[in-house]
C-alpha atoms as a PDB file:
ATOM      1  CA  MET A   1       0.000   0.000   0.000  1.00  0.00           C
ATOM      2  CA  SER A   2       1.294   3.464  -0.842  1.00  0.00           C
ATOM      3  CA  ARG A   3      -0.021   6.991  -1.207  1.00  0.00           C
ATOM      4  CA  SER A   4       0.576   9.430  -4.025  1.00  0.00           C
ATOM      5  CA  ALA A   5       2.102  12.870  -3.520  1.00  0.00           C
ATOM      6  CA  ALA A   6      -1.331  14.383  -4.186  1.00  0.00           C
ATOM      7  CA  GLU A   7      -2.927  12.221  -1.497  1.00  0.00           C
ATOM      8  CA  TRP A   8      -0.263  13.196   1.029  1.00  0.00           C
ATOM      9  CA  MET A   9      -0.733  16.839   0.073  1.00  0.00           C
ATOM     10  CA  GLU A  10      -4.478  16.630   0.676  1.00  0.00           C
ATOM     11  CA  LEU A  11      -3.989  14.930   4.038  1.00  0.00           C
ATOM     12  CA  ILE A  12      -1.159  17.066   5.418  1.00  0.00           C
ATOM     13  CA  VAL A  13      -1.850  20.488   3.935  1.00  0.00           C
ATOM     14  CA  GLY A  14      -5.587  20.324   3.368  1.00  0.00           C
ATOM     15  CA  GLU A  15      -6.754  19.410   6.881  1.00  0.00           C
ATOM     16  CA  ASP A  16      -7.377  22.247   9.344  1.00  0.00           C
ATOM     17  CA  ASP A  17      -7.627  20.147  12.508  1.00  0.00           C
ATOM     18  CA  PRO A  18      -4.112  19.070  13.686  1.00  0.00           C
ATOM     19  CA  ALA A  19      -5.412  16.274  15.908  1.00  0.00           C
ATOM     20  CA  THR A  20      -7.318  14.703  13.016  1.00  0.00           C
ATOM     21  CA  THR A  21      -4.363  15.178  10.681  1.00  0.00           C
ATOM     22  CA  TRP A  22      -1.933  13.399  12.977  1.00  0.00           C
ATOM     23  CA  LYS A  23      -4.347  10.548  13.672  1.00  0.00           C
ATOM     24  CA  GLN A  24      -4.781  10.032   9.942  1.00  0.00           C
ATOM     25  CA  VAL A  25      -1.020  10.229   9.336  1.00  0.00           C
ATOM     26  CA  PHE A  26      -0.507   7.559  12.012  1.00  0.00           C
ATOM     27  CA  ILE A  27      -3.113   5.289  10.441  1.00  0.00           C
ATOM     28  CA  CYS A  28      -1.628   5.740   6.975  1.00  0.00           C
ATOM     29  CA  LEU A  29       1.898   5.008   8.164  1.00  0.00           C
ATOM     30  CA  ARG A  30       0.752   1.934  10.085  1.00  0.00           C
ATOM     31  CA  ASP A  31      -0.969   0.554   7.002  1.00  0.00           C
ATOM     32  CA  ILE A  32       1.958   1.400   4.736  1.00  0.00           C
ATOM     33  CA  ALA A  33       4.428  -0.139   7.195  1.00  0.00           C
ATOM     34  CA  LEU A  34       2.445  -3.371   7.358  1.00  0.00           C
ATOM     35  CA  SER A  35       2.627  -3.611   3.578  1.00  0.00           C
ATOM     36  CA  CYS A  36       6.356  -2.812   3.343  1.00  0.00           C
ATOM     37  CA  ALA A  37       8.243  -6.072   3.652  1.00  0.00           C
ATOM     38  CA  LYS A  38      11.324  -5.055   1.638  1.00  0.00           C
ATOM     39  CA  SER A  39      14.188  -3.228   3.298  1.00  0.00           C
ATOM     40  CA  GLY A  40      14.154   0.489   2.470  1.00  0.00           C
ATOM     41  CA  ALA A  41      10.585   0.505   1.178  1.00  0.00           C
ATOM     42  CA  LEU A  42       9.150   2.359   4.164  1.00  0.00           C
ATOM     43  CA  ASP A  43      11.976   4.909   4.090  1.00  0.00           C
ATOM     44  CA  ARG A  44      11.197   5.702   0.467  1.00  0.00           C
ATOM     45  CA  ALA A  45       7.478   5.888   1.237  1.00  0.00           C
ATOM     46  CA  THR A  46       8.026   8.579   3.870  1.00  0.00           C
ATOM     47  CA  VAL A  47      10.158  10.953   1.796  1.00  0.00           C
ATOM     48  CA  VAL A  48       7.190  12.838   0.319  1.00  0.00           C
ATOM     49  CA  PRO A  49       5.210  13.330   3.562  1.00  0.00           C
ATOM     50  CA  ASP A  50       8.357  14.212   5.499  1.00  0.00           C
ATOM     51  CA  ARG A  51       9.280  16.889   2.946  1.00  0.00           C
ATOM     52  CA  LEU A  52       5.733  18.277   3.039  1.00  0.00           C
ATOM     53  CA  LEU A  53       5.818  18.497   6.823  1.00  0.00           C
ATOM     54  CA  ALA A  54       9.237  20.156   6.868  1.00  0.00           C
ATOM     55  CA  ASN A  55       8.774  22.576   3.997  1.00  0.00           C
ATOM     56  CA  SER A  56       5.053  23.395   3.834  1.00  0.00           C
ATOM     57  CA  ALA A  57       3.273  22.301   7.034  1.00  0.00           C
ATOM     58  CA  TRP A  58       5.992  22.688   9.663  1.00  0.00           C
ATOM     59  CA  ASN A  59       3.448  24.059  12.138  1.00  0.00           C
ATOM     60  CA  LEU A  60       2.127  20.509  12.429  1.00  0.00           C
ATOM     61  CA  TRP A  61       5.351  19.494  14.183  1.00  0.00           C
ATOM     62  CA  ASP A  62       4.586  22.072  16.882  1.00  0.00           C
ATOM     63  CA  GLU A  63       1.057  20.696  17.079  1.00  0.00           C
ATOM     64  CA  PHE A  64       2.525  17.184  17.345  1.00  0.00           C
ATOM     65  CA  LEU A  65       3.419  17.876  20.976  1.00  0.00           C
ATOM     66  CA  VAL A  66      -0.147  18.856  21.810  1.00  0.00           C
ATOM     67  CA  HIS A  67      -2.406  16.859  19.526  1.00  0.00           C
ATOM     68  CA  ALA A  68      -0.614  13.703  18.382  1.00  0.00           C
ATOM     69  CA  PRO A  69      -1.627  10.571  20.327  1.00  0.00           C
ATOM     70  CA  THR A  70       1.520   9.474  22.173  1.00  0.00           C
ATOM     71  CA  ILE A  71       2.785   6.036  23.036  1.00  0.00           C
ATOM     72  CA  VAL A  72       2.991   7.016  26.712  1.00  0.00           C
ATOM     73  CA  ASP A  73      -0.664   8.072  26.828  1.00  0.00           C
ATOM     74  CA  GLU A  74      -1.696   4.839  25.155  1.00  0.00           C
ATOM     75  CA  LEU A  75       0.382   2.765  27.587  1.00  0.00           C
ATOM     76  CA  LYS A  76      -1.407   4.489  30.465  1.00  0.00           C
ATOM     77  CA  LYS A  77      -4.764   3.431  29.006  1.00  0.00           C
ATOM     78  CA  PHE A  78      -3.535  -0.124  28.455  1.00  0.00           C
ATOM     79  CA  TRP A  79      -2.105  -0.320  31.980  1.00  0.00           C
ATOM     80  CA  ILE A  80      -5.370   0.512  33.764  1.00  0.00           C
ATOM     81  CA  GLN A  81      -7.671  -1.669  31.688  1.00  0.00           C
ATOM     82  CA  THR A  82      -9.432  -4.185  33.903  1.00  0.00           C
ATOM     83  CA  SER A  83      -8.639  -7.779  33.077  1.00  0.00           C
ATOM     84  CA  ALA A  84      -8.465 -11.166  34.738  1.00  0.00           C
ATOM     85  CA  THR A  85      -4.906 -11.469  33.486  1.00  0.00           C
ATOM     86  CA  GLY A  86      -1.766  -9.507  34.257  1.00  0.00           C
ATOM     87  CA  THR A  87      -0.262  -6.672  32.257  1.00  0.00           C
ATOM     88  CA  ALA A  88       3.150  -6.365  30.625  1.00  0.00           C
ATOM     89  CA  VAL A  89       5.000  -3.771  28.575  1.00  0.00           C
ATOM     90  CA  LEU A  90       8.140  -4.585  26.614  1.00  0.00           C
ATOM     91  CA  VAL A  91       9.999  -1.533  25.354  1.00  0.00           C
ATOM     92  CA  LEU A  92      12.495  -2.407  22.624  1.00  0.00           C
ATOM     93  CA  ASP A  93      14.867   0.551  22.464  1.00  0.00           C
ATOM     94  CA  GLY A  94      14.886   2.157  19.027  1.00  0.00           C
ATOM     95  CA  LEU A  95      12.297  -0.175  17.500  1.00  0.00           C
ATOM     96  CA  SER A  96      10.762   1.591  14.498  1.00  0.00           C
ATOM     97  CA  LEU A  97       7.798   1.133  12.186  1.00  0.00           C
ATOM     98  CA  ARG A  98      10.148  -0.800   9.884  1.00  0.00           C
ATOM     99  CA  GLU A  99      10.096  -3.648  12.386  1.00  0.00           C
ATOM    100  CA  MET A 100       6.302  -3.662  12.796  1.00  0.00           C
ATOM    101  CA  PRO A 101       5.603  -5.970   9.813  1.00  0.00           C
ATOM    102  CA  LEU A 102       8.437  -8.278  10.898  1.00  0.00           C
ATOM    103  CA  ILE A 103       6.980  -8.748  14.381  1.00  0.00           C
ATOM    104  CA  VAL A 104       3.468  -9.225  13.010  1.00  0.00           C
ATOM    105  CA  GLY A 105       4.702 -11.632  10.323  1.00  0.00           C
ATOM    106  CA  ALA A 106       6.774 -13.700  12.744  1.00  0.00           C
ATOM    107  CA  ALA A 107       3.837 -13.832  15.170  1.00  0.00           C
ATOM    108  CA  ASN A 108       1.522 -15.035  12.411  1.00  0.00           C
ATOM    109  CA  ASP A 109       4.008 -17.770  11.531  1.00  0.00           C
ATOM    110  CA  ARG A 110       3.618 -18.952  15.136  1.00  0.00           C
ATOM    111  CA  LYS A 111      -0.201 -18.760  14.967  1.00  0.00           C
ATOM    112  CA  LEU A 112      -0.167 -15.805  17.344  1.00  0.00           C
ATOM    113  CA  LYS A 113      -2.593 -13.078  16.350  1.00  0.00           C
ATOM    114  CA  PRO A 114      -2.040  -9.566  17.716  1.00  0.00           C
ATOM    115  CA  VAL A 115      -4.981  -7.968  19.495  1.00  0.00           C
ATOM    116  CA  ARG A 116      -4.068  -4.485  18.229  1.00  0.00           C
ATOM    117  CA  ILE A 117      -1.557  -3.038  15.803  1.00  0.00           C
ATOM    118  CA  GLU A 118      -1.198   0.739  15.998  1.00  0.00           C
ATOM    119  CA  ALA A 119       1.254   3.589  15.530  1.00  0.00           C
ATOM    120  CA  PHE A 120       1.674   6.379  18.073  1.00  0.00           C
ATOM    121  CA  GLY A 121       3.915   9.355  18.703  1.00  0.00           C
ATOM    122  CA  ALA A 122       7.216   9.241  20.535  1.00  0.00           C
ATOM    123  CA  GLN A 123       8.342  11.999  22.885  1.00  0.00           C
ATOM    124  CA  VAL A 124      10.220  15.015  21.532  1.00  0.00           C
ATOM    125  CA  PRO A 125      13.175  15.054  21.158  1.00  0.00           C
ATOM    126  CA  THR A 126      13.011  11.473  19.936  1.00  0.00           C
ATOM    127  CA  GLU A 127      15.598  10.115  22.357  1.00  0.00           C
ATOM    128  CA  THR A 128      15.741   7.605  25.199  1.00  0.00           C
ATOM    129  CA  ASP A 129      16.173  10.141  28.003  1.00  0.00           C
ATOM    130  CA  ARG A 130      13.136  12.150  26.943  1.00  0.00           C
ATOM    131  CA  PHE A 131      10.985   8.999  26.900  1.00  0.00           C
ATOM    132  CA  ALA A 132      12.305   8.098  30.346  1.00  0.00           C
ATOM    133  CA  GLU A 133      11.393  11.579  31.605  1.00  0.00           C
ATOM    134  CA  SER A 134       7.835  11.073  30.365  1.00  0.00           C
ATOM    135  CA  LEU A 135       7.668   7.934  32.539  1.00  0.00           C
ATOM    136  CA  GLY A 136       8.618   9.942  35.595  1.00  0.00           C
ATOM    137  CA  ILE A 137      12.238   8.783  35.811  1.00  0.00           C
ATOM    138  CA  SER A 138      15.499  10.575  35.111  1.00  0.00           C
ATOM    139  CA  GLY A 139      16.869   7.778  32.932  1.00  0.00           C
ATOM    140  CA  ARG A 140      16.299   4.255  31.721  1.00  0.00           C
ATOM    141  CA  SER A 141      18.706   2.816  34.304  1.00  0.00           C
ATOM    142  CA  LYS A 142      16.303   3.771  37.117  1.00  0.00           C
ATOM    143  CA  LEU A 143      14.189   0.731  36.199  1.00  0.00           C
ATOM    144  CA  PHE A 144      17.084  -1.718  36.550  1.00  0.00           C
ATOM    145  CA  ASN A 145      16.690  -4.664  38.910  1.00  0.00           C
ATOM    146  CA  ASN A 146      13.191  -3.703  40.068  1.00  0.00           C
ATOM    147  CA  GLN A 147      14.220  -0.545  41.882  1.00  0.00           C
ATOM    148  CA  PRO A 148      12.154   2.208  40.254  1.00  0.00           C
ATOM    149  CA  PRO A 149      11.688   5.518  42.094  1.00  0.00           C
ATOM    150  CA  ALA A 150       8.278   6.439  43.481  1.00  0.00           C
ATOM    151  CA  SER A 151       7.932   8.919  40.618  1.00  0.00           C
ATOM    152  CA  PHE A 152       7.703   6.105  38.023  1.00  0.00           C
ATOM    153  CA  ILE A 153       4.194   6.421  36.612  1.00  0.00           C
ATOM    154  CA  PHE A 154       3.617   2.645  36.463  1.00  0.00           C
ATOM    155  CA  SER A 155       4.839   1.901  39.990  1.00  0.00           C
ATOM    156  CA  GLY A 156       2.897  -0.492  42.190  1.00  0.00           C
ATOM    157  CA  PRO A 157       3.338  -3.333  44.680  1.00  0.00           C
ATOM    158  CA  ASP A 158       2.647  -5.932  41.987  1.00  0.00           C
ATOM    159  CA  VAL A 159       4.910  -4.329  39.346  1.00  0.00           C
ATOM    160  CA  HIS A 160       8.356  -5.632  38.428  1.00  0.00           C
ATOM    161  CA  THR A 161      10.713  -3.469  36.347  1.00  0.00           C
ATOM    162  CA  ASP A 162      14.037  -4.189  34.714  1.00  0.00           C
ATOM    163  CA  VAL A 163      16.437  -3.046  32.009  1.00  0.00           C
ATOM    164  CA  LEU A 164      17.874  -5.888  29.961  1.00  0.00           C
ATOM    165  CA  ASP A 165      20.740  -6.173  27.506  1.00  0.00           C
ATOM    166  CA  ALA A 166      21.434  -9.908  27.354  1.00  0.00           C
ATOM    167  CA  PRO A 167      20.491 -12.024  24.316  1.00  0.00           C
ATOM    168  CA  PHE A 168      16.773 -12.755  24.281  1.00  0.00           C
ATOM    169  CA  GLY A 169      17.277 -16.443  24.988  1.00  0.00           C
ATOM    170  CA  ASP A 170      19.197 -15.584  28.148  1.00  0.00           C
ATOM    171  CA  CYS A 171      16.461 -13.181  29.260  1.00  0.00           C
ATOM    172  CA  VAL A 172      13.776 -15.869  29.433  1.00  0.00           C
ATOM    173  CA  GLY A 173      14.858 -17.039  32.870  1.00  0.00           C
ATOM    174  CA  SER A 174      14.961 -13.497  34.245  1.00  0.00           C
ATOM    175  CA  VAL A 175      11.233 -12.873  33.725  1.00  0.00           C
ATOM    176  CA  PRO A 176       9.590 -13.141  37.168  1.00  0.00           C
ATOM    177  CA  SER A 177       6.075 -14.259  38.015  1.00  0.00           C
ATOM    178  CA  SER A 178       4.892 -10.772  39.008  1.00  0.00           C
ATOM    179  CA  PRO A 179       1.415  -9.912  37.685  1.00  0.00           C
ATOM    180  CA  ARG A 180       2.687  -6.700  36.073  1.00  0.00           C
ATOM    181  CA  LEU A 181       5.924  -6.211  34.172  1.00  0.00           C
ATOM    182  CA  PHE A 182       7.606  -3.182  32.679  1.00  0.00           C
ATOM    183  CA  LEU A 183      10.707  -4.407  30.844  1.00  0.00           C
ATOM    184  CA  TRP A 184      13.028  -2.257  28.768  1.00  0.00           C
ATOM    185  CA  HIS A 185      15.464  -4.078  26.485  1.00  0.00           C
ATOM    186  CA  LYS A 186      18.342  -2.143  24.911  1.00  0.00           C
ATOM    187  CA  TRP A 187      17.989  -3.977  21.581  1.00  0.00           C
ATOM    188  CA  PRO A 188      18.090  -2.915  18.783  1.00  0.00           C
ATOM    189  CA  ASP A 189      19.477   0.549  19.579  1.00  0.00           C
ATOM    190  CA  GLU A 190      22.668  -0.006  21.548  1.00  0.00           C
ATOM    191  CA  PRO A 191      23.924  -3.395  20.411  1.00  0.00           C
ATOM    192  CA  LEU A 192      22.972  -2.952  16.775  1.00  0.00           C
ATOM    193  CA  ILE A 193      21.998   0.494  15.475  1.00  0.00           C
ATOM    194  CA  HIS A 194      24.746   2.456  17.244  1.00  0.00           C
ATOM    195  CA  LEU A 195      27.310  -0.150  16.264  1.00  0.00           C
ATOM    196  CA  HIS A 196      26.605   0.349  12.566  1.00  0.00           C
ATOM    197  CA  ASP A 197      25.362   3.942  12.419  1.00  0.00           C
ATOM    198  CA  SER A 198      28.416   5.326  10.607  1.00  0.00           C
ATOM    199  CA  LYS A 199      29.132   2.366   8.337  1.00  0.00           C
ATOM    200  CA  ASP A 200      28.221   2.620   4.662  1.00  0.00           C
ATOM    201  CA  ASP A 201      26.395  -0.706   4.794  1.00  0.00           C
ATOM    202  CA  GLY A 202      24.924   0.044   8.227  1.00  0.00           C
ATOM    203  CA  PRO A 203      21.268   0.338   7.193  1.00  0.00           C
ATOM    204  CA  ASP A 204      21.411  -2.933   5.263  1.00  0.00           C
ATOM    205  CA  VAL A 205      23.205  -4.772   8.071  1.00  0.00           C
ATOM    206  CA  VAL A 206      20.744  -3.488  10.655  1.00  0.00           C
ATOM    207  CA  ALA A 207      17.778  -4.473   8.478  1.00  0.00           C
ATOM    208  CA  ALA A 208      19.119  -8.000   7.948  1.00  0.00           C
ATOM    209  CA  GLN A 209      20.110  -8.616  11.558  1.00  0.00           C
ATOM    210  CA  THR A 210      16.900  -7.129  12.919  1.00  0.00           C
ATOM    211  CA  LYS A 211      14.821  -9.446  10.762  1.00  0.00           C
ATOM    212  CA  GLN A 212      16.911 -12.449  11.786  1.00  0.00           C
ATOM    213  CA  GLN A 213      16.469 -11.627  15.462  1.00  0.00           C
ATOM    214  CA  ILE A 214      12.736 -10.990  15.267  1.00  0.00           C
ATOM    215  CA  TYR A 215      12.150 -14.295  13.492  1.00  0.00           C
ATOM    216  CA  SER A 216      14.344 -16.218  15.931  1.00  0.00           C
ATOM    217  CA  ASP A 217      12.999 -18.815  18.368  1.00  0.00           C
ATOM    218  CA  ASP A 218      14.818 -17.096  21.239  1.00  0.00           C
ATOM    219  CA  PHE A 219      12.936 -13.857  20.712  1.00  0.00           C
ATOM    220  CA  TRP A 220       9.579 -15.598  20.778  1.00  0.00           C
ATOM    221  CA  ARG A 221      10.461 -17.742  23.789  1.00  0.00           C
ATOM    222  CA  PHE A 222      11.131 -14.446  25.566  1.00  0.00           C
ATOM    223  CA  VAL A 223       7.863 -12.929  24.346  1.00  0.00           C
ATOM    224  CA  ASP A 224       5.897 -16.037  25.317  1.00  0.00           C
ATOM    225  CA  ARG A 225       7.434 -16.061  28.791  1.00  0.00           C
ATOM    226  CA  ILE A 226       6.325 -12.453  29.294  1.00  0.00           C
ATOM    227  CA  ARG A 227       2.854 -13.352  27.974  1.00  0.00           C
ATOM    228  CA  GLN A 228       2.470 -16.147  30.539  1.00  0.00           C
ATOM    229  CA  GLY A 229      -0.654 -14.919  32.337  1.00  0.00           C
ATOM    230  CA  ARG A 230      -0.238 -11.357  31.035  1.00  0.00           C
ATOM    231  CA  ARG A 231      -1.468  -9.216  28.176  1.00  0.00           C
ATOM    232  CA  LEU A 232       1.561  -7.721  26.461  1.00  0.00           C
ATOM    233  CA  VAL A 233       2.334  -4.569  24.511  1.00  0.00           C
ATOM    234  CA  VAL A 234       5.547  -4.467  22.499  1.00  0.00           C
ATOM    235  CA  THR A 235       6.554  -0.884  21.768  1.00  0.00           C
ATOM    236  CA  SER A 236       9.460   1.553  21.611  1.00  0.00           C
ATOM    237  CA  ASP A 237      10.850   4.759  23.067  1.00  0.00           C
ATOM    238  CA  HIS A 238      11.744   6.247  19.659  1.00  0.00           C
ATOM    239  CA  GLY A 239      12.377   5.222  16.077  1.00  0.00           C
ATOM    240  CA  TYR A 240      15.343   5.993  13.840  1.00  0.00           C
ATOM    241  CA  ALA A 241      16.082   7.553  10.492  1.00  0.00           C
ATOM    242  CA  VAL A 242      18.176   6.353   7.570  1.00  0.00           C
ATOM    243  CA  SER A 243      19.944   9.479   6.408  1.00  0.00           C
ATOM    244  CA  ARG A 244      20.717   8.217   2.900  1.00  0.00           C
ATOM    245  CA  PHE A 245      17.226   9.494   2.081  1.00  0.00           C
ATOM    246  CA  PHE A 246      17.864  12.906   3.643  1.00  0.00           C
ATOM    247  CA  SER A 247      18.264  16.111   1.694  1.00  0.00           C
ATOM    248  CA  ASP A 248      21.684  17.774   1.773  1.00  0.00           C
ATOM    249  CA  GLU A 249      20.489  20.853  -0.101  1.00  0.00           C
ATOM    250  CA  LEU A 250      21.784  23.255   2.554  1.00  0.00           C
ATOM    251  CA  LYS A 251      24.480  25.180   0.724  1.00  0.00           C
ATOM    252  CA  ASP A 252      24.703  28.406   2.731  1.00  0.00           C
ATOM    253  CA  SER A 253      28.048  28.122   4.497  1.00  0.00           C
ATOM    254  CA  ASP A 254      26.970  30.177   7.525  1.00  0.00           C
ATOM    255  CA  THR A 255      23.904  28.005   8.103  1.00  0.00           C
ATOM    256  CA  VAL A 256      25.882  24.799   7.709  1.00  0.00           C
ATOM    257  CA  GLN A 257      28.480  26.047  10.175  1.00  0.00           C
ATOM    258  CA  MET A 258      25.770  26.958  12.699  1.00  0.00           C
ATOM    259  CA  LEU A 259      24.333  23.454  12.399  1.00  0.00           C
ATOM    260  CA  ARG A 260      27.774  21.969  12.939  1.00  0.00           C
ATOM    261  CA  ASN A 261      28.340  24.183  15.975  1.00  0.00           C
ATOM    262  CA  ALA A 262      24.962  23.420  17.532  1.00  0.00           C
ATOM    263  CA  PHE A 263      24.569  19.739  16.642  1.00  0.00           C
ATOM    264  CA  GLY A 264      27.808  18.303  15.330  1.00  0.00           C
ATOM    265  CA  ALA A 265      26.542  15.225  13.528  1.00  0.00           C
ATOM    266  CA  LYS A 266      23.484  14.684  15.722  1.00  0.00           C
ATOM    267  CA  ARG A 267      19.797  15.427  15.324  1.00  0.00           C
ATOM    268  CA  CYS A 268      19.217  17.111  18.674  1.00  0.00           C
ATOM    269  CA  ALA A 269      21.249  18.983  21.259  1.00  0.00           C
ATOM    270  CA  VAL A 270      20.833  20.670  24.622  1.00  0.00           C
ATOM    271  CA  GLU A 271      20.093  24.349  24.127  1.00  0.00           C
ATOM    272  CA  ARG A 272      22.848  26.312  25.818  1.00  0.00           C
ATOM    273  CA  SER A 273      21.972  29.817  26.970  1.00  0.00           C
ATOM    274  CA  ASP A 274      25.252  31.094  25.577  1.00  0.00           C
ATOM    275  CA  ALA A 275      24.770  29.495  22.171  1.00  0.00           C
ATOM    276  CA  SER A 276      21.088  29.471  21.273  1.00  0.00           C
ATOM    277  CA  TRP A 277      20.090  28.795  17.706  1.00  0.00           C
ATOM    278  CA  PRO A 278      20.616  32.304  16.344  1.00  0.00           C
ATOM    279  CA  ARG A 279      18.629  32.546  13.157  1.00  0.00           C
ATOM    280  CA  ARG A 280      15.066  32.207  11.985  1.00  0.00           C
ATOM    281  CA  HIS A 281      14.539  30.303   8.760  1.00  0.00           C
ATOM    282  CA  LEU A 282      11.532  29.745   6.554  1.00  0.00           C
ATOM    283  CA  PRO A 283      11.004  26.904   6.350  1.00  0.00           C
ATOM    284  CA  PRO A 284      12.466  26.436   9.852  1.00  0.00           C
ATOM    285  CA  LEU A 285      15.418  24.100  10.301  1.00  0.00           C
ATOM    286  CA  VAL A 286      15.301  23.790  14.077  1.00  0.00           C
ATOM    287  CA  SER A 287      12.588  23.642  16.731  1.00  0.00           C
ATOM    288  CA  ARG A 288      12.851  23.979  20.511  1.00  0.00           C
ATOM    289  CA  HIS A 289      11.351  21.434  22.891  1.00  0.00           C
ATOM    290  CA  HIS A 290      12.107  20.841  26.576  1.00  0.00           C
ATOM    291  CA  ASN A 291      15.294  22.925  26.529  1.00  0.00           C
ATOM    292  CA  ARG A 292      16.583  21.002  23.554  1.00  0.00           C
ATOM    293  CA  LEU A 293      17.149  21.953  19.944  1.00  0.00           C
ATOM    294  CA  THR A 294      15.710  19.498  17.442  1.00  0.00           C
ATOM    295  CA  VAL A 295      16.401  19.309  13.713  1.00  0.00           C
ATOM    296  CA  LEU A 296      13.177  19.402  11.760  1.00  0.00           C
ATOM    297  CA  GLY A 297      12.718  17.181   8.709  1.00  0.00           C
ATOM    298  CA  GLN A 298      14.929  14.950   6.611  1.00  0.00           C
ATOM    299  CA  ARG A 299      17.992  17.189   6.545  1.00  0.00           C
ATOM    300  CA  LYS A 300      21.708  16.577   6.893  1.00  0.00           C
ATOM    301  CA  TRP A 301      24.830  18.658   6.422  1.00  0.00           C
ATOM    302  CA  ALA A 302      28.506  18.152   5.731  1.00  0.00           C
ATOM    303  CA  VAL A 303      30.486  17.201   8.840  1.00  0.00           C
ATOM    304  CA  GLN A 304      33.941  15.776   9.370  1.00  0.00           C
ATOM    305  CA  GLY A 305      33.782  12.007   9.122  1.00  0.00           C
ATOM    306  CA  GLY A 306      30.425  12.130   7.334  1.00  0.00           C
ATOM    307  CA  PHE A 307      26.877  12.330   8.628  1.00  0.00           C
ATOM    308  CA  PRO A 308      25.705   9.099  10.348  1.00  0.00           C
ATOM    309  CA  HIS A 309      23.716   6.767   8.142  1.00  0.00           C
ATOM    310  CA  LEU A 310      21.467   5.850  11.087  1.00  0.00           C
ATOM    311  CA  CYS A 311      20.294   8.501  13.548  1.00  0.00           C
ATOM    312  CA  HIS A 312      17.530   9.637  15.851  1.00  0.00           C
ATOM    313  CA  GLY A 313      16.605  12.605  18.004  1.00  0.00           C
ATOM    314  CA  GLY A 314      15.094  14.746  15.257  1.00  0.00           C
ATOM    315  CA  LEU A 315      11.638  15.257  13.853  1.00  0.00           C
ATOM    316  CA  SER A 316      11.003  12.980  10.926  1.00  0.00           C
ATOM    317  CA  LEU A 317       8.200  10.456  10.659  1.00  0.00           C
ATOM    318  CA  LEU A 318      10.266   7.328  11.260  1.00  0.00           C
ATOM    319  CA  GLU A 319      12.008   8.898  14.248  1.00  0.00           C
ATOM    320  CA  ALA A 320       8.839  10.256  15.841  1.00  0.00           C
ATOM    321  CA  ILE A 321       6.236   7.526  15.223  1.00  0.00           C
ATOM    322  CA  VAL A 322       6.631   4.090  16.788  1.00  0.00           C
ATOM    323  CA  PRO A 323       4.750   0.767  16.844  1.00  0.00           C
ATOM    324  CA  PHE A 324       2.259  -0.416  19.446  1.00  0.00           C
ATOM    325  CA  ILE A 325       1.584  -4.138  19.136  1.00  0.00           C
ATOM    326  CA  GLU A 326      -0.646  -5.841  21.701  1.00  0.00           C
ATOM    327  CA  PHE A 327      -0.659  -9.612  22.205  1.00  0.00           C
ATOM    328  CA  PRO A 328      -3.072 -11.681  24.276  1.00  0.00           C
ATOM    329  CA  ALA A 329      -2.079 -13.495  27.444  1.00  0.00           C
ATOM    330  CA  LYS A 330      -0.865 -17.057  27.056  1.00  0.00           C
END
């Protein structure tokens, strides 16, 4: 399934209500993602809407913070639903919409039918720490070894939390019998995406290894152990972008140098009071959120060593929209 440039134009530019626009964008991207089995297909499918958002409808990114349904809000709804079974959330760090059809396909191969398949908004900037902040914790590590602070929004006497980085097969035995679980696994971001982010073949290697892992028996033994007596949502803190599809049309040397100074080769940066983003652009290149500067759209610039091929932190569709896949209890 794909949409023409005219259809994207009508949806993104022609709708006055930002909440409706974002909901429709999420639905479209979910459906497109589920139909994109080939590596790179979803990236190509998002070029047109990303350019429209960055160059013509950039105000929608500001409205994203207010009106886009977020993954955190949806997890809150899932968490309080009454059920005879327990509740579990598995956050896979950096999981993107690219991996949605892989998880659904591998589940179908095992005769496991998802209850819901949705797409929702990440936090802005699209980074791990910002997602952690939205959960009421200062960082992901605060959930390690079932010692969350009282500020954690899913705390409770029957809740077990942990941060995992071992292979999925080794994690099976570490899943306790607690009725409620909130587990955060560092895959695929740290052990895979960051390892290959600057390599020319990085996107292809990540795509191949991600598919292999998601279709592995170890991954599904882990999922099934979590599902033992619990409904489960598999989701993510943020997605990631493949910058080979980005525009490098920025030619003004002063602007490029400002981007280098503010961001280096990253997509977001802490806004320093002594070095705020100094210039207004139309269309805008940078937005401000939670004392951070965030690069808007599919843009890159020349930096020493080359711009990373895999990145996150900015505002593009595959960085800012993540999967929500619910499975029934086993």
